[in-house]
């Protein structure tokens, strides 16, 4: 095998391990109390059903197009809140935000689900419509 082949295999393995870590890390945050988010986002605690928290950073490249999708969803009246992780680092750390963009579904005062990566407004709406188990 050539050096190029080893480099490509190394990158593929590294990327796979990173994706696996991020999957496990987002699942580890599920079930935690959402109190840090309630403190950082006024009005979140008043939502009776599921709510969505969009965690972003102003320096995040993928967050820019996703912010437009979040605004579309908010325009439809969906209970979506934006959390700038640079302004609320303690809340982000307590919830378990490891990267941006991250979506956090809040239900019954707890983190019901965390999803990492860029998503569409329709996908986010499905997150709100699908009951957590």
Protein backbone atom coordinates (compact mmCIF):
# COMPACT_ATOMS: atom_id res chain seq x y z
CA UNK A 1 0.00 0.00 0.00
CA UNK A 2 1.13 3.52 -0.67
CA UNK A 3 1.58 6.31 1.83
CA UNK A 4 -1.47 8.02 0.32
CA UNK A 5 -3.63 4.96 1.03
CA UNK A 6 -2.45 4.84 4.65
CA UNK A 7 -3.20 8.54 5.04
CA UNK A 8 -6.73 8.11 3.68
CA UNK A 9 -7.36 5.08 5.91
CA UNK A 10 -6.02 6.98 8.92
CA UNK A 11 -8.31 9.92 8.24
CA UNK A 12 -11.31 7.61 7.76
CA UNK A 13 -10.64 5.81 11.05
CA UNK A 14 -10.09 9.09 12.91
CA UNK A 15 -13.30 10.58 11.53
CA UNK A 16 -15.26 7.42 12.41
CA UNK A 17 -13.97 7.49 15.97
CA UNK A 18 -14.85 11.18 16.27
CA UNK A 19 -18.40 10.57 15.05
CA UNK A 20 -18.76 7.67 17.48
CA UNK A 21 -17.55 9.85 20.35
CA UNK A 22 -19.98 12.64 19.47
CA UNK A 23 -22.87 10.17 19.28
CA UNK A 24 -22.05 8.80 22.73
CA UNK A 25 -21.49 12.30 24.13
CA UNK A 26 -24.87 13.57 22.95
CA UNK A 27 -26.64 10.48 24.31
CA UNK A 28 -24.91 10.99 27.67
CA UNK A 29 -26.59 14.39 28.03
CA UNK A 30 -30.08 12.96 27.70
CA UNK A 31 -32.02 12.72 30.94
CA UNK A 32 -30.19 15.61 32.62
CA UNK A 33 -32.12 18.40 34.26
CA UNK A 34 -32.76 21.36 31.98
CA UNK A 35 -32.46 23.85 34.87
CA UNK A 36 -29.28 25.48 33.51
CA UNK A 37 -31.16 26.23 30.29
CA UNK A 38 -34.16 27.57 32.20
CA UNK A 39 -31.84 29.99 33.99
CA UNK A 40 -30.21 31.12 30.72
CA UNK A 41 -33.36 31.32 28.54
CA UNK A 42 -36.30 33.21 30.05
CA UNK A 43 -39.63 31.72 28.98
CA UNK A 44 -38.31 28.21 28.34
CA UNK A 45 -39.67 26.91 31.66
CA UNK A 46 -43.14 28.23 30.77
CA UNK A 47 -43.53 25.90 27.75
CA UNK A 48 -45.94 23.09 28.57
CA UNK A 49 -44.96 20.66 25.80
CA UNK A 50 -41.63 19.89 24.17
CA UNK A 51 -39.35 22.79 23.32
CA UNK A 52 -36.25 22.99 21.20
CA UNK A 53 -33.04 24.79 22.17
CA UNK A 54 -30.67 25.62 19.33
CA UNK A 55 -27.11 25.85 20.66
CA UNK A 56 -24.79 27.83 18.41
CA UNK A 57 -21.66 29.94 18.34
CA UNK A 58 -21.20 33.13 16.30
CA UNK A 59 -17.87 31.74 15.00
CA UNK A 60 -19.42 28.46 13.83
CA UNK A 61 -19.57 28.23 10.04
CA UNK A 62 -22.28 25.53 9.84
CA UNK A 63 -24.40 27.47 12.34
CA UNK A 64 -24.98 30.35 9.91
CA UNK A 65 -27.23 28.50 7.44
CA UNK A 66 -28.87 26.57 10.26
CA UNK A 67 -29.76 29.83 12.04
CA UNK A 68 -31.90 30.69 9.02
CA UNK A 69 -33.70 27.35 9.35
CA UNK A 70 -34.27 28.03 13.06
CA UNK A 71 -35.73 31.43 12.21
CA UNK A 72 -38.12 29.77 9.73
CA UNK A 73 -39.30 27.41 12.46
CA UNK A 74 -39.65 30.24 14.99
CA UNK A 75 -41.67 32.17 12.40
CA UNK A 76 -44.14 29.29 12.33
CA UNK A 77 -44.66 29.76 16.08
CA UNK A 78 -42.71 26.73 17.23
CA UNK A 79 -41.24 26.81 20.76
CA UNK A 80 -37.61 27.25 19.68
CA UNK A 81 -35.00 29.07 21.73
CA UNK A 82 -31.48 30.13 20.75
CA UNK A 83 -28.54 29.66 23.12
CA UNK A 84 -25.26 31.33 22.23
CA UNK A 85 -22.73 29.03 23.91
CA UNK A 86 -20.15 31.84 24.08
CA UNK A 87 -22.53 33.94 26.19
CA UNK A 88 -23.64 31.03 28.42
CA UNK A 89 -20.62 28.72 28.79
CA UNK A 90 -21.66 27.38 32.21
CA UNK A 91 -25.12 26.34 31.03
CA UNK A 92 -23.63 24.76 27.91
CA UNK A 93 -21.12 22.81 29.95
CA UNK A 94 -23.72 21.60 32.48
CA UNK A 95 -26.03 20.35 29.72
CA UNK A 96 -23.15 18.66 27.91
CA UNK A 97 -22.83 20.68 24.71
CA UNK A 98 -19.63 19.49 23.04
CA UNK A 99 -19.92 21.13 19.61
CA UNK A 100 -22.14 23.46 17.63
CA UNK A 101 -24.67 23.39 16.16
CA UNK A 102 -26.50 21.19 18.64
CA UNK A 103 -30.25 20.84 19.10
CA UNK A 104 -31.61 20.03 22.55
CA UNK A 105 -35.19 18.83 22.99
CA UNK A 106 -36.56 19.76 26.42
CA UNK A 107 -39.49 17.80 27.79
CA UNK A 108 -40.86 17.59 31.35
CA UNK A 109 -37.97 19.69 32.68
CA UNK A 110 -35.29 17.36 31.32
CA UNK A 111 -33.12 16.96 28.26
CA UNK A 112 -35.10 14.45 26.18
CA UNK A 113 -32.81 14.36 23.16
CA UNK A 114 -29.67 15.96 21.76
CA UNK A 115 -28.84 16.10 18.05
CA UNK A 116 -25.54 17.32 16.68
CA UNK A 117 -25.09 18.86 13.25
CA UNK A 118 -26.89 20.98 10.70
CA UNK A 119 -30.60 20.19 10.30
CA UNK A 120 -33.51 21.62 8.34
CA UNK A 121 -36.59 23.34 9.74
CA UNK A 122 -38.69 20.30 8.78
CA UNK A 123 -36.37 17.97 10.69
CA UNK A 124 -36.53 20.25 13.74
CA UNK A 125 -40.33 20.29 13.52
CA UNK A 126 -40.33 16.48 13.51
CA UNK A 127 -38.20 16.53 16.66
CA UNK A 128 -40.88 18.63 18.36
CA UNK A 129 -43.73 16.47 17.03
CA UNK A 130 -42.23 13.08 17.94
CA UNK A 131 -42.80 12.14 21.57
CA UNK A 132 -39.67 10.99 23.38
CA UNK A 133 -39.57 7.55 24.92
